[in-house]
Structures are given as structure tokens and as C-alpha cells.
Amino acid sequence: MTWRQIVDLSEGHIAQLAPGFKERVAKWYQELIMKKIPVLIYCSVRTPEEQDELYKKRPKVTNARGTPVCQSFHCYGRAVDAVPLAQSSTNGLTTCWDDVKTYAVMSEIGEKYRLRTLSWETPHFEDADFKDWRELAGVATSAPQADSPGTRIAEKNRQNMQAENSRVPSAGTKQVRKVRIRKP
């Protein structure tokens, strides 16, 4: 992948995030770029159905279900998955899944923008303003789950993604492709 493709794909994922969180992730990503730390954001918003697919996948990809209540920050537009990149002699930039030092730098810079990492899922960065998915979904409160801010965001994201997937792109429209990158 070229540098331009990587930045375009990453910025496309950032654009899908929930307001407020989107701006913090954009600043985090810009700081990484300014410090010449190449990173690809390869996943942001997921539908509950996509989350369930990952939950059921073997070998196991995630511990978070998508339904009946989504247990992933991704479904609420409050998480990104990112991987460091390095120059390859043959393929341009390539993913470096085991680059512990760069993940540590990404995490350290992320803390400044209230991004939290998970010890068991190195590429995952989520909104540290929320304690857990229950708070996002409104499960831990007395508010009805269907009317919680997180549930409304998840439903809006699902509808937007359905609309985008059904649209035929017009000439000159920039498309954001979903790329599923897996650690080899």
C-alpha cells in the first residue's frame, strides 16, 4: 500500500466515528503522522451483525457479542483498530503486528487524547470517557436500553452503513473500502 492509500483509508474510518471521539482520534492520528509513525487504522464502526460474525469466528477474534446488546465499543463508534507499518523492500508499507515498541508509543500518545488500550488486544483503542460497554449501552443505568445514547448511536451507525452499502458511487466520489486485515 502507498502512504496516500493508508492515510485515506485511515481517515475514512475516523470519519465514521461518533462525534467528539472522532475529533480526538483525528488529533491522535495527526500526531502520529507528524512524529513519522506510520499507522493504519483498519477498523472503526461495526454493525452488531459484523460484531457477532467476529465473535463466532474461530480462532477466536473477540470476546464481545454484537446482539442482543452490543458489547463492543466499535458498535457505538467509540473504538478503532490500528496497526503500525514499516517499509518493505518489495511491497511498500507493510503491517508490523508484533512491533511492541510502536504500540507502546501509540498507546502513550493515545492517553493524551483519552484513548484506552486493552491488554489482550494490542491494536484496539477505545474511548476512555466510558467505563465499559454497559455504560455506553445504558445497561448499567435505570434508563431503558433502547433509548440510551449508545444504542441510538449504534442504530444510526447501522443505518448509515446499510445506506452506504446500497448506494452506487457517482463519478468522482471517494469510496472508503472496508479492509479486514488479519495477523498472519
N, C-alpha and C. Protein backbone atom coordinates (compact mmCIF):
# COMPACT_ATOMS: atom_id res chain seq x y z
N MET A 1 0.83 -1.18 0.00
CA MET A 1 0.00 0.00 0.00
C MET A 1 0.87 1.24 0.00
N THR A 2 0.39 2.26 -0.65
CA THR A 2 1.12 3.52 -0.65
C THR A 2 0.73 4.33 0.59
N TRP A 3 1.54 5.32 0.88
CA TRP A 3 1.26 6.19 2.03
C TRP A 3 -0.09 6.88 1.87
N ARG A 4 -0.38 7.36 0.66
CA ARG A 4 -1.65 8.06 0.41
C ARG A 4 -2.84 7.12 0.64
N GLN A 5 -2.75 5.88 0.18
CA GLN A 5 -3.83 4.90 0.39
C GLN A 5 -4.05 4.64 1.88
N ILE A 6 -2.97 4.54 2.62
CA ILE A 6 -3.05 4.27 4.05
C ILE A 6 -3.73 5.43 4.78
N VAL A 7 -3.31 6.65 4.48
CA VAL A 7 -3.90 7.83 5.12
C VAL A 7 -5.37 7.96 4.74
N ASP A 8 -5.69 7.77 3.45
CA ASP A 8 -7.09 7.87 3.01
C ASP A 8 -7.97 6.83 3.70
N LEU A 9 -7.51 5.60 3.78
CA LEU A 9 -8.28 4.54 4.43
C LEU A 9 -8.46 4.85 5.91
N SER A 10 -7.38 5.27 6.57
CA SER A 10 -7.45 5.60 7.99
C SER A 10 -8.39 6.77 8.25
N GLU A 11 -8.29 7.82 7.46
CA GLU A 11 -9.17 8.98 7.63
C GLU A 11 -10.62 8.63 7.33
N GLY A 12 -10.85 7.71 6.41
CA GLY A 12 -12.21 7.24 6.13
C GLY A 12 -12.82 6.55 7.34
N HIS A 13 -12.02 5.77 8.05
CA HIS A 13 -12.51 5.12 9.27
C HIS A 13 -12.75 6.14 10.38
N ILE A 14 -11.87 7.11 10.49
CA ILE A 14 -12.05 8.16 11.52
C ILE A 14 -13.35 8.91 11.28
N ALA A 15 -13.67 9.19 10.02
CA ALA A 15 -14.87 9.96 9.68
C ALA A 15 -16.16 9.26 10.12
N GLN A 16 -16.13 7.95 10.30
CA GLN A 16 -17.33 7.20 10.69
C GLN A 16 -17.58 7.22 12.20
N LEU A 17 -16.64 7.68 12.97
CA LEU A 17 -16.74 7.61 14.44
C LEU A 17 -17.75 8.59 15.01
N ALA A 18 -18.13 8.35 16.26
CA ALA A 18 -19.09 9.20 16.96
C ALA A 18 -18.49 10.59 17.18
N PRO A 19 -19.33 11.63 17.12
CA PRO A 19 -18.85 13.00 17.36
C PRO A 19 -18.14 13.10 18.71
N GLY A 20 -17.14 13.93 18.76
CA GLY A 20 -16.34 14.09 19.99
C GLY A 20 -15.20 13.10 20.00
N PHE A 21 -15.52 11.84 19.89
CA PHE A 21 -14.48 10.81 19.83
C PHE A 21 -13.72 10.91 18.50
N LYS A 22 -14.46 11.19 17.43
CA LYS A 22 -13.86 11.32 16.10
C LYS A 22 -12.75 12.38 16.11
N GLU A 23 -13.02 13.52 16.74
CA GLU A 23 -12.04 14.61 16.76
C GLU A 23 -10.80 14.22 17.55
N ARG A 24 -10.98 13.50 18.66
CA ARG A 24 -9.83 13.07 19.47
C ARG A 24 -8.98 12.05 18.72
N VAL A 25 -9.62 11.13 18.01
CA VAL A 25 -8.87 10.13 17.23
C VAL A 25 -8.13 10.82 16.08
N ALA A 26 -8.77 11.79 15.45
CA ALA A 26 -8.12 12.52 14.36
C ALA A 26 -6.87 13.24 14.86
N LYS A 27 -6.94 13.86 16.03
CA LYS A 27 -5.77 14.54 16.60
C LYS A 27 -4.67 13.54 16.94
N TRP A 28 -5.06 12.39 17.50
CA TRP A 28 -4.10 11.32 17.83
C TRP A 28 -3.40 10.85 16.55
N TYR A 29 -4.19 10.60 15.51
CA TYR A 29 -3.62 10.12 14.24
C TYR A 29 -2.70 11.17 13.62
N GLN A 30 -3.11 12.44 13.65
CA GLN A 30 -2.27 13.51 13.11
C GLN A 30 -0.95 13.61 13.87
N GLU A 31 -1.00 13.44 15.19
CA GLU A 31 0.24 13.48 15.97
C GLU A 31 1.17 12.32 15.59
N LEU A 32 0.60 11.14 15.37
CA LEU A 32 1.41 10.00 14.94
C LEU A 32 2.08 10.31 13.60
N ILE A 33 1.32 10.87 12.66
CA ILE A 33 1.87 11.22 11.35
C ILE A 33 2.97 12.26 11.48
N MET A 34 2.71 13.31 12.30
CA MET A 34 3.72 14.37 12.49
C MET A 34 5.01 13.81 13.09
N LYS A 35 4.89 12.78 13.92
CA LYS A 35 6.08 12.15 14.53
C LYS A 35 6.65 11.04 13.66
N LYS A 36 6.13 10.96 12.42
CA LYS A 36 6.60 9.99 11.43
C LYS A 36 6.47 8.55 11.92
N ILE A 37 5.32 8.28 12.55
CA ILE A 37 4.98 6.93 13.00
C ILE A 37 3.87 6.44 12.09
N PRO A 38 4.22 5.63 11.07
CA PRO A 38 3.19 5.19 10.13
C PRO A 38 2.26 4.16 10.78
N VAL A 39 0.96 4.43 10.71
CA VAL A 39 -0.06 3.59 11.33
C VAL A 39 -1.24 3.50 10.37
N LEU A 40 -1.83 2.31 10.29
CA LEU A 40 -3.05 2.10 9.51
C LEU A 40 -4.20 1.84 10.46
N ILE A 41 -5.25 2.66 10.37
CA ILE A 41 -6.49 2.37 11.10
C ILE A 41 -7.30 1.52 10.13
N TYR A 42 -7.49 0.25 10.47
CA TYR A 42 -8.13 -0.68 9.55
C TYR A 42 -9.56 -1.06 9.96
N CYS A 43 -10.03 -0.59 11.10
CA CYS A 43 -11.39 -0.88 11.51
C CYS A 43 -11.86 0.20 12.47
N SER A 44 -13.13 0.60 12.30
CA SER A 44 -13.73 1.56 13.25
C SER A 44 -15.11 1.07 13.61
N VAL A 45 -16.13 1.54 12.93
CA VAL A 45 -17.51 1.21 13.27
C VAL A 45 -17.88 -0.17 12.71
N ARG A 46 -18.57 -0.95 13.54
CA ARG A 46 -19.11 -2.24 13.11
C ARG A 46 -20.59 -2.30 13.44
N THR A 47 -21.34 -3.02 12.63
CA THR A 47 -22.73 -3.28 12.95
C THR A 47 -22.76 -4.40 13.99
N PRO A 48 -23.86 -4.54 14.72
CA PRO A 48 -23.97 -5.67 15.64
C PRO A 48 -23.81 -7.02 14.92
N GLU A 49 -24.29 -7.11 13.67
CA GLU A 49 -24.15 -8.35 12.90
C GLU A 49 -22.68 -8.64 12.60
N GLU A 50 -21.92 -7.62 12.22
CA GLU A 50 -20.48 -7.81 11.98
C GLU A 50 -19.77 -8.23 13.27
N GLN A 51 -20.19 -7.64 14.39
CA GLN A 51 -19.58 -7.98 15.67
C GLN A 51 -19.86 -9.45 16.01
N ASP A 52 -21.09 -9.91 15.76
CA ASP A 52 -21.43 -11.32 16.01
C ASP A 52 -20.60 -12.26 15.13
N GLU A 53 -20.38 -11.87 13.88
CA GLU A 53 -19.55 -12.68 12.99
C GLU A 53 -18.15 -12.86 13.58
N LEU A 54 -17.58 -11.77 14.07
CA LEU A 54 -16.24 -11.85 14.67
C LEU A 54 -16.26 -12.66 15.97
N TYR A 55 -17.34 -12.56 16.72
CA TYR A 55 -17.47 -13.28 17.99
C TYR A 55 -17.51 -14.80 17.74
N LYS A 56 -18.18 -15.20 16.66
CA LYS A 56 -18.34 -16.63 16.36
C LYS A 56 -17.15 -17.23 15.62
N LYS A 57 -16.31 -16.39 15.07
CA LYS A 57 -15.18 -16.83 14.25
C LYS A 57 -14.20 -17.68 15.05
N ARG A 58 -13.61 -18.66 14.41
CA ARG A 58 -12.57 -19.48 15.03
C ARG A 58 -11.34 -19.45 14.14
N PRO A 59 -10.15 -19.24 14.63
CA PRO A 59 -9.87 -19.00 16.04
C PRO A 59 -10.51 -17.70 16.50
N LYS A 60 -10.73 -17.62 17.80
CA LYS A 60 -11.46 -16.52 18.41
C LYS A 60 -10.80 -15.17 18.11
N VAL A 61 -11.64 -14.21 17.69
CA VAL A 61 -11.17 -12.87 17.35
C VAL A 61 -11.53 -11.88 18.45
N THR A 62 -12.70 -12.06 19.08
CA THR A 62 -13.17 -11.12 20.10
C THR A 62 -14.01 -11.84 21.15
N ASN A 63 -14.08 -11.27 22.32
CA ASN A 63 -14.94 -11.78 23.39
C ASN A 63 -16.26 -11.02 23.46
N ALA A 64 -16.45 -10.04 22.59
CA ALA A 64 -17.62 -9.16 22.65
C ALA A 64 -18.69 -9.57 21.64
N ARG A 65 -19.89 -9.81 22.14
CA ARG A 65 -21.04 -10.14 21.29
C ARG A 65 -21.58 -8.87 20.63
N GLY A 66 -22.34 -9.08 19.55
CA GLY A 66 -23.00 -7.98 18.88
C GLY A 66 -24.46 -7.86 19.26
N THR A 67 -25.09 -8.98 19.60
CA THR A 67 -26.51 -8.99 19.96
C THR A 67 -26.71 -9.90 21.17
N PRO A 68 -27.72 -9.72 21.96
CA PRO A 68 -28.83 -8.77 21.81
C PRO A 68 -28.42 -7.33 22.14
N VAL A 69 -27.41 -7.13 22.99
CA VAL A 69 -26.87 -5.80 23.26
C VAL A 69 -25.40 -5.85 22.88
N CYS A 70 -24.98 -4.91 22.06
CA CYS A 70 -23.60 -4.93 21.59
C CYS A 70 -22.64 -4.68 22.74
N GLN A 71 -21.64 -5.54 22.86
CA GLN A 71 -20.66 -5.45 23.93
C GLN A 71 -19.33 -4.87 23.45
N SER A 72 -19.32 -4.30 22.26
CA SER A 72 -18.10 -3.74 21.69
C SER A 72 -18.24 -2.24 21.50
N PHE A 73 -17.20 -1.51 21.84
CA PHE A 73 -17.16 -0.06 21.62
C PHE A 73 -17.26 0.25 20.12
N HIS A 74 -16.85 -0.69 19.26
CA HIS A 74 -16.92 -0.47 17.82
C HIS A 74 -18.35 -0.21 17.35
N CYS A 75 -19.32 -0.89 17.94
CA CYS A 75 -20.72 -0.74 17.53
C CYS A 75 -21.28 0.64 17.87
N TYR A 76 -20.63 1.33 18.76
CA TYR A 76 -21.08 2.66 19.18
C TYR A 76 -20.23 3.77 18.56
N GLY A 77 -19.33 3.40 17.64
CA GLY A 77 -18.45 4.40 17.02
C GLY A 77 -17.44 4.96 17.98
N ARG A 78 -17.03 4.13 18.96
CA ARG A 78 -16.13 4.59 20.02
C ARG A 78 -14.86 3.77 20.13
N ALA A 79 -14.43 3.14 19.01
CA ALA A 79 -13.19 2.36 19.02
C ALA A 79 -12.60 2.28 17.62
N VAL A 80 -11.29 2.14 17.58
CA VAL A 80 -10.58 1.89 16.32
C VAL A 80 -9.57 0.78 16.56
N ASP A 81 -9.26 0.06 15.48
CA ASP A 81 -8.18 -0.91 15.49
C ASP A 81 -7.12 -0.37 14.55
N ALA A 82 -5.88 -0.32 15.04
CA ALA A 82 -4.78 0.27 14.26
C ALA A 82 -3.54 -0.60 14.38
N VAL A 83 -2.75 -0.63 13.32
CA VAL A 83 -1.53 -1.43 13.30
C VAL A 83 -0.37 -0.57 12.80
N PRO A 84 0.81 -0.70 13.42
CA PRO A 84 1.99 0.01 12.93
C PRO A 84 2.42 -0.55 11.57
N LEU A 85 3.10 0.28 10.82
CA LEU A 85 3.59 -0.11 9.49
C LEU A 85 5.10 0.09 9.41
N ALA A 86 5.72 -0.64 8.50
CA ALA A 86 7.16 -0.49 8.25
C ALA A 86 7.39 -0.61 6.74
N GLN A 87 8.47 -0.01 6.28
CA GLN A 87 8.80 -0.06 4.86
C GLN A 87 9.29 -1.46 4.51
N SER A 88 8.73 -2.00 3.45
CA SER A 88 9.13 -3.31 2.94
C SER A 88 9.93 -3.08 1.67
N SER A 89 10.90 -3.93 1.41
CA SER A 89 11.71 -3.77 0.21
C SER A 89 10.93 -4.09 -1.06
N THR A 90 9.83 -4.85 -0.93
CA THR A 90 9.08 -5.24 -2.12
C THR A 90 7.66 -4.69 -2.18
N ASN A 91 6.98 -4.51 -1.05
CA ASN A 91 5.56 -4.18 -1.06
C ASN A 91 5.23 -2.78 -0.56
N GLY A 92 6.14 -1.85 -0.53
CA GLY A 92 5.85 -0.54 0.04
C GLY A 92 5.75 -0.66 1.54
N LEU A 93 4.69 -0.13 2.12
CA LEU A 93 4.49 -0.24 3.56
C LEU A 93 3.75 -1.53 3.88
N THR A 94 4.15 -2.18 4.95
CA THR A 94 3.53 -3.44 5.35
C THR A 94 3.24 -3.44 6.85
N THR A 95 2.27 -4.22 7.26
CA THR A 95 1.87 -4.26 8.67
C THR A 95 2.93 -4.94 9.54
N CYS A 96 3.06 -4.44 10.76
CA CYS A 96 4.02 -4.97 11.74
C CYS A 96 3.26 -5.31 13.02
N TRP A 97 2.56 -6.43 13.02
CA TRP A 97 1.69 -6.82 14.13
C TRP A 97 2.43 -6.99 15.45
N ASP A 98 3.71 -7.33 15.40
CA ASP A 98 4.46 -7.63 16.62
C ASP A 98 5.38 -6.49 17.05
N ASP A 99 5.17 -5.29 16.56
CA ASP A 99 6.01 -4.14 16.88
C ASP A 99 5.60 -3.55 18.24
N VAL A 100 6.06 -4.18 19.30
CA VAL A 100 5.68 -3.82 20.67
C VAL A 100 6.06 -2.38 20.99
N LYS A 101 7.22 -1.93 20.54
CA LYS A 101 7.67 -0.57 20.84
C LYS A 101 6.74 0.48 20.23
N THR A 102 6.34 0.28 18.99
CA THR A 102 5.46 1.26 18.35
C THR A 102 4.08 1.25 18.98
N TYR A 103 3.57 0.06 19.32
CA TYR A 103 2.28 0.00 20.02
C TYR A 103 2.35 0.78 21.34
N ALA A 104 3.49 0.67 22.03
CA ALA A 104 3.64 1.39 23.30
C ALA A 104 3.61 2.91 23.06
N VAL A 105 4.27 3.37 22.01
CA VAL A 105 4.26 4.80 21.68
C VAL A 105 2.84 5.24 21.28
N MET A 106 2.17 4.42 20.47
CA MET A 106 0.79 4.73 20.07
C MET A 106 -0.11 4.84 21.30
N SER A 107 0.07 3.94 22.23
CA SER A 107 -0.73 3.93 23.45
C SER A 107 -0.44 5.15 24.32
N GLU A 108 0.84 5.47 24.45
CA GLU A 108 1.25 6.63 25.26
C GLU A 108 0.66 7.93 24.69
N ILE A 109 0.75 8.09 23.38
CA ILE A 109 0.18 9.28 22.75
C ILE A 109 -1.34 9.24 22.87
N GLY A 110 -1.93 8.06 22.76
CA GLY A 110 -3.38 7.90 22.87
C GLY A 110 -3.92 8.34 24.22
N GLU A 111 -3.18 8.12 25.27
CA GLU A 111 -3.63 8.53 26.61
C GLU A 111 -3.89 10.02 26.68
N LYS A 112 -3.08 10.80 25.95
CA LYS A 112 -3.26 12.25 25.92
C LYS A 112 -4.63 12.63 25.34
N TYR A 113 -5.15 11.77 24.45
CA TYR A 113 -6.44 12.04 23.80
C TYR A 113 -7.56 11.16 24.38
N ARG A 114 -7.32 10.62 25.57
CA ARG A 114 -8.28 9.78 26.29
C ARG A 114 -8.68 8.54 25.50
N LEU A 115 -7.65 7.89 24.92
CA LEU A 115 -7.83 6.60 24.25
C LEU A 115 -7.25 5.53 25.16
N ARG A 116 -8.02 4.48 25.38
CA ARG A 116 -7.60 3.39 26.25
C ARG A 116 -7.29 2.17 25.39
N THR A 117 -6.26 1.42 25.77
CA THR A 117 -5.94 0.18 25.08
C THR A 117 -6.37 -1.01 25.95
N LEU A 118 -6.42 -2.16 25.34
CA LEU A 118 -6.76 -3.39 26.05
C LEU A 118 -5.52 -4.28 26.09
N SER A 119 -5.22 -4.84 27.24
CA SER A 119 -4.00 -5.66 27.37
C SER A 119 -4.06 -6.90 26.49
N TRP A 120 -5.25 -7.42 26.20
CA TRP A 120 -5.37 -8.65 25.44
C TRP A 120 -5.60 -8.42 23.94
N GLU A 121 -5.73 -7.15 23.53
CA GLU A 121 -5.97 -6.84 22.12
C GLU A 121 -5.18 -5.58 21.75
N THR A 122 -3.93 -5.78 21.44
CA THR A 122 -2.99 -4.68 21.23
C THR A 122 -3.45 -3.63 20.21
N PRO A 123 -4.03 -3.99 19.05
CA PRO A 123 -4.41 -2.96 18.07
C PRO A 123 -5.63 -2.13 18.45
N HIS A 124 -6.33 -2.47 19.52
CA HIS A 124 -7.61 -1.84 19.87
C HIS A 124 -7.40 -0.59 20.73
N PHE A 125 -8.04 0.52 20.31
CA PHE A 125 -8.02 1.78 21.06
C PHE A 125 -9.47 2.22 21.20
N GLU A 126 -9.93 2.46 22.44
CA GLU A 126 -11.32 2.81 22.67
C GLU A 126 -11.43 4.08 23.52
N ASP A 127 -12.65 4.60 23.57
CA ASP A 127 -12.95 5.85 24.27
C ASP A 127 -12.86 5.65 25.78
N ALA A 128 -11.88 6.28 26.41
CA ALA A 128 -11.67 6.14 27.86
C ALA A 128 -12.66 6.97 28.67
N ASP A 129 -13.52 7.75 28.00
CA ASP A 129 -14.53 8.52 28.72
C ASP A 129 -15.66 7.63 29.24
N PHE A 130 -15.72 6.40 28.77
CA PHE A 130 -16.74 5.45 29.20
C PHE A 130 -16.07 4.28 29.91
N LYS A 131 -16.65 3.89 31.03
CA LYS A 131 -16.07 2.81 31.84
C LYS A 131 -16.05 1.49 31.08
N ASP A 132 -17.17 1.14 30.47
CA ASP A 132 -17.28 -0.11 29.73
C ASP A 132 -18.47 -0.05 28.77
N TRP A 133 -18.71 -1.13 28.03
CA TRP A 133 -19.79 -1.16 27.05
C TRP A 133 -21.16 -1.01 27.70
N ARG A 134 -21.28 -1.44 28.95
CA ARG A 134 -22.57 -1.32 29.64
C ARG A 134 -22.97 0.15 29.80
N GLU A 135 -21.98 0.98 30.13
CA GLU A 135 -22.27 2.40 30.26
C GLU A 135 -22.70 2.99 28.90
N LEU A 136 -22.00 2.59 27.84
CA LEU A 136 -22.37 3.06 26.50
C LEU A 136 -23.78 2.62 26.12
N ALA A 137 -24.11 1.38 26.42
CA ALA A 137 -25.40 0.83 26.03
C ALA A 137 -26.52 1.23 26.98
N GLY A 138 -26.17 1.83 28.12
CA GLY A 138 -27.19 2.22 29.08
C GLY A 138 -27.69 1.07 29.92
N VAL A 139 -26.99 -0.07 29.89
CA VAL A 139 -27.42 -1.26 30.63
C VAL A 139 -27.23 -1.07 32.13
N ALA A 140 -26.18 -0.37 32.54
CA ALA A 140 -25.89 -0.22 33.96
C ALA A 140 -26.75 0.85 34.63
N THR A 141 -27.53 1.58 33.83
CA THR A 141 -28.36 2.64 34.40
C THR A 141 -29.81 2.20 34.42
N SER A 142 -30.66 3.01 34.99
CA SER A 142 -32.08 2.69 35.02
C SER A 142 -32.77 3.09 33.72
N ALA A 143 -32.05 3.79 32.83
CA ALA A 143 -32.66 4.20 31.56
C ALA A 143 -32.95 2.97 30.71
N PRO A 144 -34.05 2.99 29.98
CA PRO A 144 -34.34 1.85 29.12
C PRO A 144 -33.24 1.71 28.06
N GLN A 145 -32.82 0.49 27.82
CA GLN A 145 -31.72 0.22 26.90
C GLN A 145 -31.98 0.78 25.50
N ALA A 146 -33.17 0.65 24.97
CA ALA A 146 -33.46 1.09 23.61
C ALA A 146 -33.36 2.59 23.46
N ASP A 147 -33.38 3.35 24.55
CA ASP A 147 -33.34 4.80 24.48
C ASP A 147 -32.00 5.37 24.96
N SER A 148 -30.99 4.52 25.16
CA SER A 148 -29.70 5.02 25.65
C SER A 148 -28.95 5.71 24.52
N PRO A 149 -28.06 6.66 24.84
CA PRO A 149 -27.28 7.33 23.79
C PRO A 149 -26.47 6.34 22.97
N GLY A 150 -25.87 5.35 23.62
CA GLY A 150 -25.06 4.36 22.91
C GLY A 150 -25.89 3.55 21.93
N THR A 151 -27.08 3.15 22.34
CA THR A 151 -27.94 2.36 21.47
C THR A 151 -28.40 3.19 20.29
N ARG A 152 -28.71 4.47 20.52
CA ARG A 152 -29.10 5.36 19.41
C ARG A 152 -27.93 5.52 18.43
N ILE A 153 -26.71 5.67 18.93
CA ILE A 153 -25.53 5.81 18.06
C ILE A 153 -25.33 4.53 17.26
N ALA A 154 -25.44 3.37 17.94
CA ALA A 154 -25.26 2.09 17.25
C ALA A 154 -26.29 1.92 16.13
N GLU A 155 -27.54 2.28 16.40
CA GLU A 155 -28.59 2.15 15.39
C GLU A 155 -28.35 3.12 14.23
N LYS A 156 -27.93 4.34 14.52
CA LYS A 156 -27.62 5.31 13.47
C LYS A 156 -26.46 4.81 12.61
N ASN A 157 -25.42 4.26 13.24
CA ASN A 157 -24.28 3.71 12.50
C ASN A 157 -24.72 2.57 11.60
N ARG A 158 -25.59 1.68 12.13
CA ARG A 158 -26.08 0.56 11.34
C ARG A 158 -26.84 1.06 10.12
N GLN A 159 -27.72 2.05 10.31
CA GLN A 159 -28.50 2.59 9.19
C GLN A 159 -27.59 3.28 8.16
N ASN A 160 -26.62 4.05 8.64
CA ASN A 160 -25.70 4.73 7.72
C ASN A 160 -24.90 3.72 6.90
N MET A 161 -24.42 2.67 7.56
CA MET A 161 -23.64 1.67 6.84
C MET A 161 -24.50 0.93 5.82
N GLN A 162 -25.74 0.62 6.16
CA GLN A 162 -26.66 -0.01 5.20
C GLN A 162 -26.88 0.90 4.00
N ALA A 163 -27.09 2.18 4.26
CA ALA A 163 -27.32 3.15 3.17
C ALA A 163 -26.08 3.25 2.28
N GLU A 164 -24.90 3.31 2.88
CA GLU A 164 -23.66 3.40 2.10
C GLU A 164 -23.46 2.15 1.26
N ASN A 165 -23.75 0.99 1.81
CA ASN A 165 -23.55 -0.26 1.09
C ASN A 165 -24.54 -0.42 -0.06
N SER A 166 -25.68 0.24 0.01
CA SER A 166 -26.69 0.10 -1.04
C SER A 166 -26.54 1.17 -2.12
N ARG A 167 -25.75 2.20 -1.84
CA ARG A 167 -25.57 3.29 -2.80
C ARG A 167 -24.62 2.90 -3.92
N VAL A 168 -24.91 3.36 -5.12
CA VAL A 168 -23.98 3.21 -6.24
C VAL A 168 -23.14 4.48 -6.28
N PRO A 169 -21.79 4.36 -6.20
CA PRO A 169 -20.97 5.57 -6.17
C PRO A 169 -21.05 6.34 -7.48
N SER A 170 -21.14 7.66 -7.36
CA SER A 170 -21.15 8.52 -8.53
C SER A 170 -19.71 8.81 -8.93
N ALA A 171 -19.52 9.27 -10.15
CA ALA A 171 -18.18 9.56 -10.65
C ALA A 171 -17.52 10.60 -9.77
N GLY A 172 -16.28 10.36 -9.42
CA GLY A 172 -15.52 11.30 -8.61
C GLY A 172 -15.75 11.17 -7.12
N THR A 173 -16.61 10.23 -6.69
CA THR A 173 -16.88 10.05 -5.26
C THR A 173 -15.78 9.18 -4.66
N LYS A 174 -15.25 9.63 -3.56
CA LYS A 174 -14.21 8.87 -2.87
C LYS A 174 -14.86 7.76 -2.06
N GLN A 175 -14.46 6.53 -2.30
CA GLN A 175 -15.01 5.38 -1.61
C GLN A 175 -14.08 4.95 -0.48
N VAL A 176 -14.64 4.58 0.65
CA VAL A 176 -13.87 4.01 1.75
C VAL A 176 -14.16 2.52 1.73
N ARG A 177 -13.14 1.76 1.47
CA ARG A 177 -13.31 0.31 1.45
C ARG A 177 -13.02 -0.24 2.82
N LYS A 178 -13.82 -1.22 3.22
CA LYS A 178 -13.55 -1.93 4.46
C LYS A 178 -12.53 -3.00 4.13
N VAL A 179 -11.44 -2.99 4.83
CA VAL A 179 -10.41 -3.99 4.61
C VAL A 179 -10.23 -4.76 5.90
N ARG A 180 -10.40 -6.04 5.81
CA ARG A 180 -10.19 -6.87 7.00
C ARG A 180 -8.76 -7.37 6.97
N ILE A 181 -7.95 -6.86 7.85
CA ILE A 181 -6.56 -7.25 7.93
C ILE A 181 -6.41 -8.17 9.11
N ARG A 182 -5.85 -9.30 8.88
CA ARG A 182 -5.66 -10.28 9.94
C ARG A 182 -4.18 -10.53 10.15
N LYS A 183 -3.81 -10.73 11.37
CA LYS A 183 -2.43 -11.08 11.70
C LYS A 183 -2.15 -12.44 11.09
N PRO A 184 -1.05 -12.56 10.32
CA PRO A 184 -0.73 -13.85 9.69
C PRO A 184 -0.41 -14.92 10.69
